[in-house]
């Protein structure tokens, strides 16, 4: 009995060390993470040891200092962030801080992402994802697992289907688009 208890304790202790929490800064949105469940509204992701790939973007209110966010948001292109980490400290992924509309626009054009483990920088590579290849229906998890080049964002057979959906979406009234987007967000959360 003691051996069985010790074995369970060892397994659960080992699995606790195998994952690291990564905190996400206010101006960063993680769309997908390899081998991890992600919500674009979450500010924390549990990552396993070893090689990591994330799809991220910079996201900020157009006027960060304003309480009223009626002006909207400004976002960057999507980036594929790759790094290796197997330390014990939690990670922190941030982007450059902005205080006004001009700074937000400048940061969105070329985000300055930072990945830290305690007081130590974690080296990473980032690759810009071709904006033309990203649609409302892009599966970022599939992008993480594929080795496709930036110039080949989708198989040719899916291109016609995506175009058909785009035409159908643009033909909807504004009210229908809102209803569809609510359904899409609910569907995406349920399927994860």
N, C-alpha and C. Protein backbone atom coordinates (compact mmCIF):
# COMPACT_ATOMS: atom_id res chain seq x y z
N UNK A 1 0.82 -1.19 0.00
CA UNK A 1 0.00 0.00 0.00
C UNK A 1 0.87 1.26 0.00
N UNK A 2 1.94 1.21 0.82
CA UNK A 2 2.83 2.37 0.87
C UNK A 2 3.51 2.59 -0.49
N UNK A 3 3.87 1.50 -1.15
CA UNK A 3 4.51 1.62 -2.47
C UNK A 3 3.57 2.23 -3.48
N UNK A 4 2.31 1.82 -3.44
CA UNK A 4 1.31 2.36 -4.36
C UNK A 4 1.11 3.86 -4.11
N UNK A 5 1.01 4.23 -2.84
CA UNK A 5 0.86 5.64 -2.49
C UNK A 5 2.08 6.44 -2.93
N UNK A 6 3.26 5.88 -2.71
CA UNK A 6 4.50 6.54 -3.13
C UNK A 6 4.56 6.68 -4.65
N UNK A 7 4.11 5.67 -5.37
CA UNK A 7 4.08 5.72 -6.83
C UNK A 7 3.15 6.83 -7.32
N UNK A 8 1.94 6.92 -6.75
CA UNK A 8 1.00 7.99 -7.13
C UNK A 8 1.58 9.36 -6.81
N UNK A 9 2.18 9.49 -5.65
CA UNK A 9 2.79 10.76 -5.26
C UNK A 9 3.90 11.15 -6.23
N UNK A 10 4.72 10.20 -6.62
CA UNK A 10 5.80 10.45 -7.57
C UNK A 10 5.25 10.85 -8.94
N UNK A 11 4.21 10.19 -9.41
CA UNK A 11 3.62 10.51 -10.72
C UNK A 11 3.03 11.91 -10.70
N UNK A 12 2.24 12.23 -9.67
CA UNK A 12 1.61 13.55 -9.62
C UNK A 12 2.64 14.66 -9.39
N UNK A 13 3.66 14.39 -8.60
CA UNK A 13 4.72 15.38 -8.39
C UNK A 13 5.47 15.63 -9.69
N UNK A 14 5.78 14.57 -10.44
CA UNK A 14 6.49 14.72 -11.70
C UNK A 14 5.67 15.50 -12.71
N UNK A 15 4.36 15.22 -12.80
CA UNK A 15 3.53 15.94 -13.76
C UNK A 15 3.39 17.40 -13.38
N UNK A 16 3.47 17.71 -12.07
CA UNK A 16 3.43 19.12 -11.65
C UNK A 16 4.66 19.87 -12.09
N UNK A 17 5.82 19.20 -12.11
CA UNK A 17 7.04 19.86 -12.55
C UNK A 17 7.13 19.95 -14.06
N UNK A 18 6.39 19.10 -14.75
CA UNK A 18 6.48 19.07 -16.21
C UNK A 18 5.79 20.24 -16.87
N UNK A 19 4.94 20.96 -16.13
CA UNK A 19 4.24 22.09 -16.74
C UNK A 19 4.63 23.39 -16.05
N UNK A 20 4.72 24.42 -16.86
CA UNK A 20 5.04 25.76 -16.37
C UNK A 20 3.90 26.68 -16.73
N UNK A 21 3.57 27.59 -15.84
CA UNK A 21 2.57 28.59 -16.17
C UNK A 21 3.25 29.76 -16.85
N UNK A 22 2.64 30.22 -17.91
CA UNK A 22 3.11 31.42 -18.59
C UNK A 22 2.05 32.49 -18.42
N UNK A 23 2.44 33.58 -17.79
CA UNK A 23 1.55 34.73 -17.64
C UNK A 23 1.59 35.54 -18.93
N UNK A 24 0.46 36.11 -19.30
CA UNK A 24 0.36 36.86 -20.55
C UNK A 24 0.07 38.32 -20.22
N UNK A 25 0.89 39.21 -20.74
CA UNK A 25 0.72 40.64 -20.50
C UNK A 25 -0.57 41.19 -21.09
N UNK A 26 -0.92 42.40 -20.65
CA UNK A 26 -2.17 43.03 -21.08
C UNK A 26 -2.27 43.26 -22.58
N UNK A 27 -1.17 43.54 -23.24
CA UNK A 27 -1.21 43.86 -24.66
C UNK A 27 -0.87 42.68 -25.56
N UNK A 28 -0.97 41.46 -25.04
CA UNK A 28 -0.67 40.26 -25.82
C UNK A 28 -1.89 39.35 -25.80
N UNK A 29 -2.19 38.77 -26.95
CA UNK A 29 -3.24 37.77 -27.05
C UNK A 29 -2.60 36.51 -27.62
N UNK A 30 -2.80 35.38 -26.92
CA UNK A 30 -2.32 34.09 -27.41
C UNK A 30 -3.49 33.40 -28.08
N UNK A 31 -3.35 33.14 -29.37
CA UNK A 31 -4.42 32.50 -30.14
C UNK A 31 -4.34 30.97 -30.07
N UNK A 32 -3.13 30.44 -29.97
CA UNK A 32 -2.94 28.99 -29.91
C UNK A 32 -1.57 28.70 -29.32
N UNK A 33 -1.48 27.55 -28.67
CA UNK A 33 -0.21 27.08 -28.11
C UNK A 33 -0.09 25.60 -28.38
N UNK A 34 1.08 25.17 -28.79
CA UNK A 34 1.30 23.76 -29.09
C UNK A 34 1.12 22.94 -27.81
N UNK A 35 0.29 21.92 -27.91
CA UNK A 35 0.03 20.98 -26.81
C UNK A 35 -0.52 21.66 -25.56
N UNK A 36 -1.28 22.76 -25.73
CA UNK A 36 -1.90 23.43 -24.59
C UNK A 36 -3.25 23.99 -25.01
N UNK A 37 -4.17 24.00 -24.08
CA UNK A 37 -5.49 24.57 -24.32
C UNK A 37 -5.42 26.07 -24.04
N UNK A 38 -5.93 26.87 -24.98
CA UNK A 38 -5.80 28.31 -24.87
C UNK A 38 -7.15 28.97 -25.16
N UNK A 39 -7.46 29.97 -24.37
CA UNK A 39 -8.59 30.85 -24.67
C UNK A 39 -7.99 32.22 -24.95
N UNK A 40 -8.47 32.89 -25.99
CA UNK A 40 -7.89 34.19 -26.32
C UNK A 40 -8.18 35.24 -25.25
N UNK A 41 -9.04 34.92 -24.28
CA UNK A 41 -9.35 35.84 -23.19
C UNK A 41 -8.54 35.53 -21.94
N UNK A 42 -7.80 34.42 -21.95
CA UNK A 42 -7.04 34.00 -20.79
C UNK A 42 -5.74 34.79 -20.68
N UNK A 43 -5.31 34.98 -19.46
CA UNK A 43 -4.05 35.67 -19.21
C UNK A 43 -3.01 34.73 -18.61
N UNK A 44 -3.24 33.41 -18.80
CA UNK A 44 -2.30 32.40 -18.32
C UNK A 44 -2.44 31.15 -19.18
N UNK A 45 -1.31 30.53 -19.49
CA UNK A 45 -1.29 29.29 -20.26
C UNK A 45 -0.35 28.32 -19.57
N UNK A 46 -0.77 27.06 -19.44
CA UNK A 46 0.08 26.01 -18.86
C UNK A 46 0.84 25.34 -19.99
N UNK A 47 2.16 25.44 -19.95
CA UNK A 47 3.02 24.88 -21.00
C UNK A 47 3.84 23.72 -20.45
N UNK A 48 4.05 22.72 -21.27
CA UNK A 48 4.91 21.59 -20.90
C UNK A 48 6.37 22.00 -21.10
N UNK A 49 7.27 21.21 -20.55
CA UNK A 49 8.70 21.44 -20.76
C UNK A 49 9.05 21.24 -22.23
N UNK A 50 10.11 21.90 -22.66
CA UNK A 50 10.66 21.64 -23.99
C UNK A 50 10.30 22.67 -25.02
N UNK A 51 10.22 22.21 -26.27
CA UNK A 51 9.96 23.09 -27.40
C UNK A 51 8.54 23.62 -27.36
N UNK A 52 8.40 24.92 -27.60
CA UNK A 52 7.09 25.57 -27.57
C UNK A 52 6.88 26.37 -28.84
N UNK A 53 5.62 26.42 -29.28
CA UNK A 53 5.20 27.26 -30.39
C UNK A 53 3.89 27.92 -29.99
N UNK A 54 3.81 29.22 -30.21
CA UNK A 54 2.61 29.98 -29.90
C UNK A 54 2.25 30.85 -31.08
N UNK A 55 0.96 31.07 -31.31
CA UNK A 55 0.51 32.08 -32.25
C UNK A 55 0.01 33.24 -31.39
N UNK A 56 0.62 34.41 -31.57
CA UNK A 56 0.32 35.56 -30.73
C UNK A 56 0.11 36.80 -31.58
N UNK A 57 -0.44 37.84 -30.93
CA UNK A 57 -0.54 39.15 -31.57
C UNK A 57 -0.54 40.22 -30.50
N UNK A 58 -0.15 41.42 -30.90
CA UNK A 58 -0.24 42.60 -30.04
C UNK A 58 -1.67 43.11 -30.14
N UNK A 59 -2.26 43.52 -29.02
CA UNK A 59 -3.63 44.01 -29.00
C UNK A 59 -3.75 45.07 -27.92
N UNK A 60 -4.22 46.27 -28.30
CA UNK A 60 -4.31 47.37 -27.34
C UNK A 60 -5.50 48.26 -27.69
N UNK A 61 -6.07 48.90 -26.68
CA UNK A 61 -7.05 49.94 -27.02
C UNK A 61 -6.36 51.03 -27.83
N UNK A 62 -7.09 51.65 -28.73
CA UNK A 62 -6.48 52.73 -29.52
C UNK A 62 -6.01 53.85 -28.60
N UNK A 63 -6.77 54.14 -27.58
CA UNK A 63 -6.37 55.15 -26.60
C UNK A 63 -6.23 54.47 -25.24
N UNK A 64 -5.04 53.95 -24.92
CA UNK A 64 -4.85 53.15 -23.70
C UNK A 64 -5.14 53.90 -22.40
N UNK A 65 -4.98 55.22 -22.38
CA UNK A 65 -5.16 55.99 -21.15
C UNK A 65 -6.63 56.32 -20.88
N UNK A 66 -7.50 56.12 -21.86
CA UNK A 66 -8.90 56.49 -21.73
C UNK A 66 -9.69 55.40 -21.02
N UNK A 67 -10.60 55.82 -20.15
CA UNK A 67 -11.49 54.88 -19.49
C UNK A 67 -12.55 54.40 -20.49
N UNK A 68 -12.98 55.29 -21.35
CA UNK A 68 -13.96 54.96 -22.38
C UNK A 68 -13.22 54.39 -23.59
N UNK A 69 -13.44 53.12 -23.89
CA UNK A 69 -12.73 52.47 -24.99
C UNK A 69 -13.54 52.51 -26.28
N UNK A 70 -14.35 53.55 -26.46
CA UNK A 70 -15.22 53.66 -27.62
C UNK A 70 -14.49 53.78 -28.95
N UNK A 71 -13.22 54.16 -28.93
CA UNK A 71 -12.47 54.31 -30.18
C UNK A 71 -12.09 52.99 -30.81
N UNK A 72 -12.16 51.92 -30.05
CA UNK A 72 -11.83 50.61 -30.59
C UNK A 72 -10.46 50.13 -30.17
N UNK A 73 -9.97 49.13 -30.91
CA UNK A 73 -8.71 48.49 -30.59
C UNK A 73 -7.82 48.48 -31.83
N UNK A 74 -6.53 48.36 -31.56
CA UNK A 74 -5.56 48.23 -32.65
C UNK A 74 -4.77 46.95 -32.39
N UNK A 75 -4.61 46.16 -33.43
CA UNK A 75 -3.91 44.89 -33.29
C UNK A 75 -2.82 44.77 -34.36
N UNK A 76 -1.90 43.90 -34.07
CA UNK A 76 -0.81 43.64 -35.02
C UNK A 76 -1.19 42.45 -35.89
N UNK A 77 -0.30 42.12 -36.78
CA UNK A 77 -0.40 40.86 -37.51
C UNK A 77 -0.17 39.73 -36.51
N UNK A 78 -0.42 38.51 -36.92
CA UNK A 78 -0.17 37.35 -36.07
C UNK A 78 1.29 36.93 -36.24
N UNK A 79 1.87 36.42 -35.15
CA UNK A 79 3.25 35.96 -35.16
C UNK A 79 3.33 34.55 -34.59
N UNK A 80 4.23 33.77 -35.16
CA UNK A 80 4.54 32.44 -34.65
C UNK A 80 5.78 32.59 -33.78
N UNK A 81 5.63 32.35 -32.49
CA UNK A 81 6.72 32.49 -31.53
C UNK A 81 7.20 31.09 -31.16
N UNK A 82 8.49 30.83 -31.31
CA UNK A 82 9.07 29.51 -30.99
C UNK A 82 10.19 29.69 -29.97
N UNK A 83 10.22 28.80 -28.97
CA UNK A 83 11.27 28.85 -27.97
C UNK A 83 11.37 27.50 -27.26
N UNK A 84 12.46 27.32 -26.54
CA UNK A 84 12.66 26.11 -25.73
C UNK A 84 12.82 26.56 -24.29
N UNK A 85 12.05 25.91 -23.40
CA UNK A 85 12.19 26.25 -21.98
C UNK A 85 11.93 25.03 -21.12
N UNK A 86 12.80 24.79 -20.17
CA UNK A 86 12.62 23.68 -19.25
C UNK A 86 13.05 24.06 -17.84
N UNK A 87 13.00 25.34 -17.53
CA UNK A 87 13.36 25.80 -16.19
C UNK A 87 12.21 25.64 -15.21
N UNK A 88 12.43 26.08 -13.98
CA UNK A 88 11.42 25.95 -12.93
C UNK A 88 10.60 27.21 -12.73
N UNK A 89 11.08 28.35 -13.18
CA UNK A 89 10.39 29.60 -12.94
C UNK A 89 9.25 29.81 -13.93
N UNK A 90 8.16 30.45 -13.49
CA UNK A 90 7.07 30.75 -14.42
C UNK A 90 7.53 31.77 -15.46
N UNK A 91 6.92 31.69 -16.61
CA UNK A 91 7.27 32.59 -17.72
C UNK A 91 6.32 33.79 -17.75
N UNK A 92 6.78 34.88 -18.35
CA UNK A 92 5.96 36.08 -18.54
C UNK A 92 6.17 36.58 -19.96
N UNK A 93 5.09 36.62 -20.76
CA UNK A 93 5.14 37.10 -22.14
C UNK A 93 4.47 38.46 -22.19
N UNK A 94 5.21 39.47 -22.64
CA UNK A 94 4.67 40.83 -22.70
C UNK A 94 4.99 41.45 -24.05
N UNK A 95 4.35 42.57 -24.31
CA UNK A 95 4.66 43.41 -25.47
C UNK A 95 4.97 44.80 -24.94
N UNK A 96 5.43 45.67 -25.82
CA UNK A 96 5.77 47.02 -25.40
C UNK A 96 4.59 47.77 -24.80
N UNK A 97 4.85 48.51 -23.72
CA UNK A 97 3.80 49.33 -23.11
C UNK A 97 3.54 50.55 -23.96
N UNK A 98 2.29 50.91 -24.08
CA UNK A 98 1.90 52.09 -24.86
C UNK A 98 1.03 52.98 -24.00
N UNK A 99 1.12 54.29 -24.23
CA UNK A 99 0.34 55.22 -23.42
C UNK A 99 -0.57 56.11 -24.24
N UNK A 100 -0.41 56.08 -25.58
CA UNK A 100 -1.29 56.90 -26.41
C UNK A 100 -1.51 56.23 -27.77
N UNK A 101 -2.35 56.84 -28.57
CA UNK A 101 -2.72 56.24 -29.85
C UNK A 101 -1.52 56.09 -30.78
N UNK A 102 -0.65 57.08 -30.82
CA UNK A 102 0.51 57.02 -31.71
C UNK A 102 1.43 55.86 -31.34
N UNK A 103 1.68 55.68 -30.04
CA UNK A 103 2.52 54.58 -29.59
C UNK A 103 1.87 53.23 -29.87
N UNK A 104 0.54 53.14 -29.71
CA UNK A 104 -0.17 51.89 -29.98
C UNK A 104 -0.05 51.51 -31.45
N UNK A 105 -0.20 52.48 -32.34
CA UNK A 105 -0.08 52.20 -33.78
C UNK A 105 1.33 51.79 -34.14
N UNK A 106 2.32 52.45 -33.56
CA UNK A 106 3.73 52.12 -33.84
C UNK A 106 4.06 50.70 -33.33
N UNK A 107 3.57 50.37 -32.14
CA UNK A 107 3.83 49.04 -31.58
C UNK A 107 3.12 47.96 -32.40
N UNK A 108 1.94 48.26 -32.92
CA UNK A 108 1.19 47.27 -33.72
C UNK A 108 1.91 46.97 -35.03
N UNK A 109 2.63 47.94 -35.57
CA UNK A 109 3.37 47.71 -36.82
C UNK A 109 4.57 46.79 -36.61
N UNK A 110 5.22 46.91 -35.46
CA UNK A 110 6.38 46.07 -35.16
C UNK A 110 6.43 45.81 -33.65
N UNK A 111 5.64 44.83 -33.18
CA UNK A 111 5.57 44.57 -31.73
C UNK A 111 6.92 44.14 -31.16
N UNK A 112 7.19 44.59 -29.95
CA UNK A 112 8.40 44.23 -29.23
C UNK A 112 8.02 43.26 -28.11
N UNK A 113 7.96 41.98 -28.48
CA UNK A 113 7.59 40.96 -27.50
C UNK A 113 8.79 40.64 -26.62
N UNK A 114 8.49 40.32 -25.36
CA UNK A 114 9.53 39.96 -24.40
C UNK A 114 9.07 38.72 -23.65
N UNK A 115 9.98 37.76 -23.49
CA UNK A 115 9.68 36.52 -22.77
C UNK A 115 10.69 36.39 -21.64
N UNK A 116 10.20 36.40 -20.42
CA UNK A 116 11.08 36.38 -19.25
C UNK A 116 10.74 35.20 -18.35
N UNK A 117 11.77 34.66 -17.71
CA UNK A 117 11.63 33.64 -16.66
C UNK A 117 12.31 34.24 -15.44
N UNK A 118 11.53 34.79 -14.53
CA UNK A 118 12.10 35.52 -13.41
C UNK A 118 12.74 36.80 -13.94
N UNK A 119 14.03 36.99 -13.68
CA UNK A 119 14.76 38.16 -14.19
C UNK A 119 15.60 37.83 -15.42
N UNK A 120 15.41 36.64 -15.98
CA UNK A 120 16.23 36.19 -17.11
C UNK A 120 15.39 36.15 -18.38
N UNK A 121 15.95 36.69 -19.46
CA UNK A 121 15.27 36.65 -20.76
C UNK A 121 15.38 35.25 -21.35
N UNK A 122 14.29 34.80 -21.95
CA UNK A 122 14.26 33.50 -22.62
C UNK A 122 14.35 33.78 -24.12
N UNK A 123 15.37 33.25 -24.81
CA UNK A 123 15.50 33.51 -26.25
C UNK A 123 14.37 32.84 -27.03
N UNK A 124 13.90 33.54 -28.06
CA UNK A 124 12.84 33.02 -28.91
C UNK A 124 13.02 33.53 -30.33
N UNK A 125 12.36 32.87 -31.25
CA UNK A 125 12.30 33.37 -32.63
C UNK A 125 10.85 33.70 -32.91
N UNK A 126 10.65 34.68 -33.76
CA UNK A 126 9.30 35.03 -34.15
C UNK A 126 9.23 35.13 -35.66
N UNK A 127 8.12 34.67 -36.18
CA UNK A 127 7.91 34.68 -37.63
C UNK A 127 6.54 35.28 -37.89
N UNK A 128 6.50 36.29 -38.72
CA UNK A 128 5.23 36.94 -39.04
C UNK A 128 4.40 36.01 -39.93
N UNK A 129 3.12 35.87 -39.58
CA UNK A 129 2.21 35.04 -40.37
C UNK A 129 1.56 35.93 -41.41
N UNK A 130 1.60 35.50 -42.65
CA UNK A 130 1.05 36.26 -43.75
C UNK A 130 -0.40 36.63 -43.48
N UNK A 131 -0.71 37.92 -43.44
CA UNK A 131 -2.06 38.41 -43.12
C UNK A 131 -3.10 37.92 -44.13
N UNK A 132 -2.68 37.74 -45.37
CA UNK A 132 -3.60 37.27 -46.41
C UNK A 132 -4.09 35.85 -46.13
N UNK A 133 -3.29 35.08 -45.43
CA UNK A 133 -3.65 33.69 -45.14
C UNK A 133 -4.51 33.52 -43.91
N UNK A 134 -4.77 34.62 -43.17
CA UNK A 134 -5.55 34.54 -41.95
C UNK A 134 -6.96 35.05 -42.22
N UNK A 135 -7.94 34.20 -41.92
CA UNK A 135 -9.34 34.58 -42.07
C UNK A 135 -10.05 34.37 -40.73
N UNK A 136 -11.31 34.65 -40.72
CA UNK A 136 -12.13 34.45 -39.54
C UNK A 136 -12.12 32.98 -39.10
N UNK A 137 -11.90 32.08 -40.06
CA UNK A 137 -12.00 30.65 -39.79
C UNK A 137 -10.64 29.95 -39.73
N UNK A 138 -9.56 30.70 -39.62
CA UNK A 138 -8.23 30.11 -39.57
C UNK A 138 -8.07 29.25 -38.32
N UNK A 139 -7.59 28.04 -38.50
CA UNK A 139 -7.32 27.13 -37.39
C UNK A 139 -5.85 27.30 -37.00
N UNK A 140 -5.61 28.09 -35.96
CA UNK A 140 -4.24 28.37 -35.54
C UNK A 140 -3.55 27.14 -34.98
N UNK A 141 -4.29 26.23 -34.37
CA UNK A 141 -3.68 25.00 -33.87
C UNK A 141 -3.11 24.17 -35.00
N UNK A 142 -3.83 24.11 -36.13
CA UNK A 142 -3.32 23.38 -37.29
C UNK A 142 -2.07 24.06 -37.83
N UNK A 143 -2.03 25.38 -37.76
CA UNK A 143 -0.86 26.13 -38.23
C UNK A 143 0.37 25.78 -37.38
N UNK A 144 0.18 25.58 -36.08
CA UNK A 144 1.30 25.23 -35.21
C UNK A 144 1.89 23.87 -35.56
N UNK A 145 1.05 22.95 -35.98
CA UNK A 145 1.50 21.59 -36.26
C UNK A 145 1.98 21.38 -37.68
N UNK A 146 1.75 22.37 -38.55
CA UNK A 146 2.15 22.19 -39.94
C UNK A 146 3.53 22.76 -40.19
N UNK A 147 4.14 22.32 -41.26
CA UNK A 147 5.45 22.82 -41.67
C UNK A 147 5.32 23.65 -42.95
N UNK A 148 4.07 24.10 -43.23
CA UNK A 148 3.85 24.83 -44.48
C UNK A 148 4.57 26.18 -44.48
N UNK A 149 4.93 26.59 -45.64
CA UNK A 149 5.59 27.88 -45.79
C UNK A 149 4.57 29.00 -45.66
N UNK A 150 5.06 30.21 -45.40
CA UNK A 150 4.21 31.38 -45.25
C UNK A 150 3.40 31.65 -46.52
N UNK A 151 3.94 31.34 -47.67
CA UNK A 151 3.25 31.62 -48.93
C UNK A 151 2.19 30.59 -49.27
N UNK A 152 2.06 29.53 -48.50
CA UNK A 152 1.06 28.50 -48.76
C UNK A 152 0.17 28.33 -47.53
N UNK A 153 -0.67 29.36 -47.24
CA UNK A 153 -1.41 29.34 -45.99
C UNK A 153 -2.55 28.33 -45.92
N UNK A 154 -3.08 27.85 -47.04
CA UNK A 154 -4.19 26.90 -47.01
C UNK A 154 -4.13 26.00 -48.23
N UNK A 155 -4.54 24.76 -48.07
CA UNK A 155 -4.57 23.88 -49.24
C UNK A 155 -5.52 24.43 -50.30
N UNK A 156 -5.24 24.16 -51.56
CA UNK A 156 -6.02 24.70 -52.66
C UNK A 156 -7.48 24.28 -52.60
N UNK A 157 -7.75 23.05 -52.16
CA UNK A 157 -9.14 22.58 -52.14
C UNK A 157 -9.99 23.33 -51.13
N UNK A 158 -9.38 23.90 -50.09
CA UNK A 158 -10.13 24.65 -49.08
C UNK A 158 -10.35 26.09 -49.49
N UNK A 159 -9.60 26.57 -50.46
CA UNK A 159 -9.69 27.97 -50.86
C UNK A 159 -11.09 28.32 -51.35
N UNK A 160 -11.70 27.48 -52.19
CA UNK A 160 -13.04 27.75 -52.70
C UNK A 160 -14.07 27.77 -51.59
N UNK A 161 -13.95 26.86 -50.63
CA UNK A 161 -14.89 26.81 -49.51
C UNK A 161 -14.78 28.07 -48.66
N UNK A 162 -13.56 28.52 -48.42
CA UNK A 162 -13.35 29.74 -47.63
C UNK A 162 -13.95 30.94 -48.36
N UNK A 163 -13.73 31.03 -49.65
CA UNK A 163 -14.29 32.14 -50.43
C UNK A 163 -15.81 32.13 -50.39
N UNK A 164 -16.41 30.95 -50.44
CA UNK A 164 -17.86 30.82 -50.39
C UNK A 164 -18.39 31.32 -49.03
N UNK A 165 -17.71 30.95 -47.94
CA UNK A 165 -18.11 31.39 -46.62
C UNK A 165 -17.94 32.90 -46.47
N UNK A 166 -16.85 33.45 -47.03
CA UNK A 166 -16.64 34.90 -46.98
C UNK A 166 -17.78 35.64 -47.66
N UNK A 167 -18.17 35.17 -48.84
CA UNK A 167 -19.27 35.82 -49.57
C UNK A 167 -20.57 35.73 -48.78
N UNK A 168 -20.82 34.58 -48.17
CA UNK A 168 -22.05 34.42 -47.38
C UNK A 168 -22.04 35.35 -46.17
N UNK A 169 -20.90 35.47 -45.52
CA UNK A 169 -20.80 36.33 -44.34
C UNK A 169 -21.00 37.80 -44.71
N UNK A 170 -20.38 38.25 -45.79
CA UNK A 170 -20.53 39.66 -46.17
C UNK A 170 -21.94 39.98 -46.63
N UNK A 171 -22.72 38.97 -46.99
CA UNK A 171 -24.10 39.18 -47.40
C UNK A 171 -25.08 39.28 -46.24
N UNK A 172 -24.61 39.02 -45.02
CA UNK A 172 -25.48 39.09 -43.85
C UNK A 172 -25.70 40.53 -43.41
N UNK A 173 -26.83 40.78 -42.75
CA UNK A 173 -27.08 42.10 -42.15
C UNK A 173 -26.18 42.24 -40.92
N UNK A 174 -26.04 43.46 -40.41
CA UNK A 174 -25.20 43.67 -39.23
C UNK A 174 -25.70 42.86 -38.04
N UNK A 175 -27.01 42.79 -37.86
CA UNK A 175 -27.58 42.02 -36.74
C UNK A 175 -27.27 40.53 -36.91
N UNK A 176 -27.38 40.02 -38.13
CA UNK A 176 -27.07 38.62 -38.39
C UNK A 176 -25.59 38.33 -38.15
N UNK A 177 -24.72 39.27 -38.49
CA UNK A 177 -23.29 39.08 -38.26
C UNK A 177 -22.99 38.98 -36.76
N UNK A 178 -23.65 39.82 -35.95
CA UNK A 178 -23.44 39.78 -34.50
C UNK A 178 -23.90 38.44 -33.94
N UNK A 179 -25.07 37.98 -34.38
CA UNK A 179 -25.59 36.69 -33.92
C UNK A 179 -24.63 35.57 -34.32
N UNK A 180 -24.14 35.61 -35.55
CA UNK A 180 -23.21 34.58 -36.02
C UNK A 180 -21.92 34.60 -35.21
N UNK A 181 -21.38 35.79 -34.92
CA UNK A 181 -20.12 35.88 -34.17
C UNK A 181 -20.30 35.34 -32.75
N UNK A 182 -21.47 35.61 -32.13
CA UNK A 182 -21.73 35.07 -30.79
C UNK A 182 -21.75 33.54 -30.85
N UNK A 183 -22.42 33.00 -31.86
CA UNK A 183 -22.47 31.56 -32.02
C UNK A 183 -21.07 30.99 -32.24
N UNK A 184 -20.29 31.66 -33.09
CA UNK A 184 -18.95 31.18 -33.40
C UNK A 184 -18.08 31.12 -32.15
N UNK A 185 -18.13 32.15 -31.31
CA UNK A 185 -17.34 32.15 -30.07
C UNK A 185 -17.81 31.03 -29.14
N UNK A 186 -19.10 30.82 -29.04
CA UNK A 186 -19.63 29.74 -28.21
C UNK A 186 -19.22 28.39 -28.77
N UNK A 187 -19.32 28.21 -30.08
CA UNK A 187 -18.94 26.96 -30.72
C UNK A 187 -17.46 26.67 -30.51
N UNK A 188 -16.61 27.70 -30.65
CA UNK A 188 -15.16 27.53 -30.52
C UNK A 188 -14.82 27.09 -29.09
N UNK A 189 -15.47 27.71 -28.06
CA UNK A 189 -15.20 27.34 -26.68
C UNK A 189 -15.67 25.92 -26.38
N UNK A 190 -16.83 25.53 -26.95
CA UNK A 190 -17.36 24.19 -26.70
C UNK A 190 -16.49 23.11 -27.35
N UNK A 191 -15.90 23.43 -28.50
CA UNK A 191 -15.11 22.42 -29.21
C UNK A 191 -13.72 22.24 -28.63
N UNK A 192 -13.28 23.10 -27.74
CA UNK A 192 -11.94 22.99 -27.16
C UNK A 192 -11.92 22.04 -26.04
